[in-house]
């Protein structure tokens, strides 16, 4: 009897020592099971959403069907772009592509004072509002060049070398070139007169 009680006493501490180790082993396995369950649920949800979209999405439809019809029609039907821009104030505010008309360079003799003369070499580019104005200027190019030459030949070398003189020259050229070329039509719509070269010798 003493022997069996001694054996039980010896076995009891061993079981008590094993109990914390068993608890430590069970805790990670429970956490791992929870993670696996969460991952499995997420995979099932993703698969079900993907399958639903695959079978219910119209064939050939854009991913951006949530946009208004006016915007998607601009992308799909180029023929109605102009109508959409006219109807939508936001789209009509988009900047238009600039239209330029480049004139051949001008070289004129100008008088500085007394009998002294100097050479003025100017290259001019006109920025116009529309293609119709560009076509009109191209058709009346001899008249355009004559008007520019007359104005340039009247300039004083010292004055047009100043910023104020150049601004005044730009305003004079713009006013003259905006006048009608004939009595049956209005003058060209010129936005800016730009100097691309300006040399006085």
Protein backbone atom coordinates (compact mmCIF):
# COMPACT_ATOMS: atom_id res chain seq x y z
CA UNK A 1 0.00 0.00 0.00
CA UNK A 2 2.80 2.33 0.85
CA UNK A 3 4.33 1.55 -2.45
CA UNK A 4 1.19 2.40 -4.45
CA UNK A 5 0.66 5.69 -2.58
CA UNK A 6 4.26 6.61 -3.21
CA UNK A 7 3.82 5.82 -6.90
CA UNK A 8 0.69 7.97 -7.05
CA UNK A 9 2.54 10.83 -5.38
CA UNK A 10 5.29 10.49 -7.93
CA UNK A 11 2.84 10.47 -10.82
CA UNK A 12 0.84 13.48 -9.57
CA UNK A 13 3.63 16.07 -9.94
CA UNK A 14 4.38 14.74 -13.41
CA UNK A 15 0.77 15.32 -14.46
CA UNK A 16 0.79 18.79 -12.92
CA UNK A 17 3.99 19.59 -14.78
CA UNK A 18 2.49 18.39 -18.08
CA UNK A 19 -0.72 20.47 -17.71
CA UNK A 20 0.80 23.96 -18.50
CA UNK A 21 2.62 22.50 -21.51
CA UNK A 22 -0.65 21.08 -22.83
CA UNK A 23 -2.40 24.45 -22.36
CA UNK A 24 0.40 26.26 -24.20
CA UNK A 25 0.04 23.84 -27.09
CA UNK A 26 -3.76 24.28 -27.28
CA UNK A 27 -3.71 28.13 -27.36
CA UNK A 28 -1.82 28.50 -30.69
CA UNK A 29 -3.90 25.77 -32.30
CA UNK A 30 -7.11 27.63 -31.38
CA UNK A 31 -5.75 30.89 -32.81
CA UNK A 32 -4.64 29.11 -35.96
CA UNK A 33 -8.08 27.58 -36.35
CA UNK A 34 -9.64 31.04 -36.02
CA UNK A 35 -7.31 32.48 -38.69
CA UNK A 36 -8.05 29.59 -41.03
CA UNK A 37 -11.78 30.11 -40.53
CA UNK A 38 -11.51 33.84 -41.27
CA UNK A 39 -9.45 33.20 -44.41
CA UNK A 40 -11.90 30.56 -45.56
CA UNK A 41 -14.85 32.94 -45.10
CA UNK A 42 -13.02 35.70 -47.04
CA UNK A 43 -12.20 33.32 -49.90
CA UNK A 44 -15.82 32.17 -50.09
CA UNK A 45 -17.08 35.78 -50.15
CA UNK A 46 -14.57 36.77 -52.87
CA UNK A 47 -15.45 33.74 -54.97
CA UNK A 48 -19.19 34.38 -54.68
CA UNK A 49 -18.81 38.08 -55.61
CA UNK A 50 -16.58 37.20 -58.55
CA UNK A 51 -19.00 34.55 -59.79
CA UNK A 52 -21.95 36.92 -59.44
CA UNK A 53 -20.21 39.65 -61.42
CA UNK A 54 -19.05 37.18 -64.05
CA UNK A 55 -22.54 35.83 -64.74
CA UNK A 56 -24.51 39.06 -64.36
CA UNK A 57 -22.17 41.60 -66.08
CA UNK A 58 -23.32 42.43 -69.64
CA UNK A 59 -20.90 41.31 -72.32
CA UNK A 60 -18.82 44.14 -73.76
CA UNK A 61 -19.96 46.59 -71.08
CA UNK A 62 -17.52 49.11 -69.64
CA UNK A 63 -16.40 48.95 -66.04
CA UNK A 64 -17.48 52.60 -65.70
CA UNK A 65 -21.22 52.07 -66.22
CA UNK A 66 -21.86 53.97 -63.02
CA UNK A 67 -21.04 57.24 -64.86
CA UNK A 68 -23.89 59.35 -66.31
CA UNK A 69 -25.03 58.53 -69.83
CA UNK A 70 -23.87 61.93 -71.13
CA UNK A 71 -20.26 61.17 -70.20
CA UNK A 72 -20.19 57.59 -71.49
CA UNK A 73 -21.81 58.68 -74.74
CA UNK A 74 -18.98 61.13 -75.30
CA UNK A 75 -16.53 58.23 -75.21
CA UNK A 76 -18.60 55.84 -77.30
CA UNK A 77 -20.14 58.19 -79.88
CA UNK A 78 -17.75 60.83 -81.27
CA UNK A 79 -20.51 62.24 -83.47
CA UNK A 80 -22.35 63.78 -80.51
CA UNK A 81 -19.32 65.30 -78.77
CA UNK A 82 -20.11 68.79 -79.99
CA UNK A 83 -23.73 68.60 -78.77
CA UNK A 84 -22.65 67.35 -75.34
CA UNK A 85 -20.10 70.17 -75.03
CA UNK A 86 -22.72 72.76 -75.93
CA UNK A 87 -25.21 71.38 -73.41
CA UNK A 88 -22.71 70.89 -70.56
CA UNK A 89 -21.20 74.13 -69.18
CA UNK A 90 -18.38 72.20 -67.48
CA UNK A 91 -17.24 70.61 -70.74
CA UNK A 92 -17.58 73.85 -72.70
CA UNK A 93 -14.98 75.46 -70.42
CA UNK A 94 -12.25 73.21 -71.81
CA UNK A 95 -9.56 75.33 -73.52
CA UNK A 96 -9.68 75.30 -77.29
CA UNK A 97 -6.59 74.48 -79.34
CA UNK A 98 -4.90 77.76 -80.40
CA UNK A 99 -4.87 78.67 -84.08
CA UNK A 100 -1.84 80.55 -85.43
CA UNK A 101 -1.18 82.27 -88.75
CA UNK A 102 2.50 82.81 -89.44
CA UNK A 103 3.40 85.73 -91.69
CA UNK A 104 6.58 85.87 -93.74
CA UNK A 105 9.21 88.11 -92.06
CA UNK A 106 9.18 91.84 -92.80
CA UNK A 107 12.26 93.98 -93.48
CA UNK A 108 11.67 97.73 -93.76
CA UNK A 109 13.75 100.91 -93.69
CA UNK A 110 12.83 103.36 -90.94
CA UNK A 111 14.09 106.88 -90.36
CA UNK A 112 15.77 107.65 -87.06
CA UNK A 113 16.30 111.37 -87.47
CA UNK A 114 17.49 113.62 -90.23
CA UNK A 115 18.84 111.52 -93.07
CA UNK A 116 19.89 108.55 -90.93
CA UNK A 117 18.02 105.34 -91.70
CA UNK A 118 17.94 101.98 -89.98
CA UNK A 119 16.72 98.51 -90.89
CA UNK A 120 13.85 96.89 -88.98
CA UNK A 121 13.44 93.13 -89.32
CA UNK A 122 10.27 91.68 -87.76
CA UNK A 123 8.65 88.23 -87.82
CA UNK A 124 4.98 88.23 -86.84
CA UNK A 125 2.56 85.44 -85.94
CA UNK A 126 -1.16 86.10 -85.51
CA UNK A 127 -3.29 84.13 -83.07
CA UNK A 128 -6.86 83.95 -84.37
CA UNK A 129 -10.13 82.78 -82.84
CA UNK A 130 -11.30 80.32 -85.52
CA UNK A 131 -10.35 78.52 -88.71
CA UNK A 132 -12.56 80.82 -90.79
CA UNK A 133 -10.41 83.79 -89.76
CA UNK A 134 -7.25 81.88 -90.72
CA UNK A 135 -8.70 81.11 -94.15
CA UNK A 136 -9.68 84.75 -94.65
CA UNK A 137 -6.19 85.99 -93.75
CA UNK A 138 -4.60 83.46 -96.12
CA UNK A 139 -6.89 84.61 -98.94
CA UNK A 140 -6.10 88.30 -98.35
CA UNK A 141 -2.40 87.87 -97.53
CA UNK A 142 -1.22 90.64 -99.93
CA UNK A 143 -3.56 93.12 -98.19
CA UNK A 144 -2.37 91.90 -94.77
CA UNK A 145 1.30 92.34 -95.69
CA UNK A 146 0.65 95.80 -97.17
CA UNK A 147 -1.04 96.98 -93.96
CA UNK A 148 1.80 95.64 -91.81
CA UNK A 149 4.50 97.19 -94.02
CA UNK A 150 2.82 100.61 -93.92
CA UNK A 151 2.65 100.56 -90.13
CA UNK A 152 6.22 99.30 -89.66
CA UNK A 153 7.70 101.91 -92.00
CA UNK A 154 6.12 104.71 -89.91
CA UNK A 155 7.80 103.63 -86.66
CA UNK A 156 10.58 105.52 -84.87
CA UNK A 157 13.59 103.29 -83.97
CA UNK A 158 14.15 104.67 -80.46
CA UNK A 159 10.47 104.42 -79.48
CA UNK A 160 9.74 100.88 -80.65
CA UNK A 161 12.78 99.58 -78.78
CA UNK A 162 10.99 100.38 -75.50
CA UNK A 163 8.36 98.09 -73.99
CA UNK A 164 5.77 100.84 -74.28
CA UNK A 165 6.61 101.33 -77.96
CA UNK A 166 6.24 97.61 -78.71
CA UNK A 167 2.91 97.42 -76.90
CA UNK A 168 1.69 100.39 -78.92
CA UNK A 169 2.91 98.73 -82.14
CA UNK A 170 1.05 95.51 -81.23
CA UNK A 171 -2.16 97.46 -80.57
CA UNK A 172 -1.82 99.36 -83.88
CA UNK A 173 -1.20 96.17 -85.88
CA UNK A 174 -4.11 94.36 -84.22
CA UNK A 175 -6.49 97.26 -84.90
CA UNK A 176 -5.41 97.58 -88.54
CA UNK A 177 -5.53 93.85 -89.31
CA UNK A 178 -8.95 93.48 -87.66
CA UNK A 179 -10.53 95.86 -90.18
CA UNK A 180 -12.65 94.25 -92.95
CA UNK A 181 -10.86 93.37 -96.18
CA UNK A 182 -13.96 94.11 -98.23
CA UNK A 183 -17.35 95.74 -97.73
CA UNK A 184 -19.27 92.44 -97.80
CA UNK A 185 -17.66 90.79 -94.77
CA UNK A 186 -16.64 91.58 -91.22
CA UNK A 187 -13.02 91.91 -90.19
CA UNK A 188 -10.96 88.95 -88.99
CA UNK A 189 -11.11 88.04 -85.30
CA UNK A 190 -7.47 88.40 -84.18
CA UNK A 191 -6.75 87.50 -80.55
CA UNK A 192 -3.05 88.37 -80.34
CA UNK A 193 -0.22 89.79 -82.45
CA UNK A 194 3.02 88.01 -81.51
CA UNK A 195 6.58 88.99 -82.43
CA UNK A 196 8.76 85.95 -83.08
CA UNK A 197 11.71 88.10 -84.23
CA UNK A 198 12.42 91.79 -83.71
CA UNK A 199 15.76 93.26 -84.85
CA UNK A 200 16.80 96.87 -85.51
CA UNK A 201 20.14 97.47 -87.27
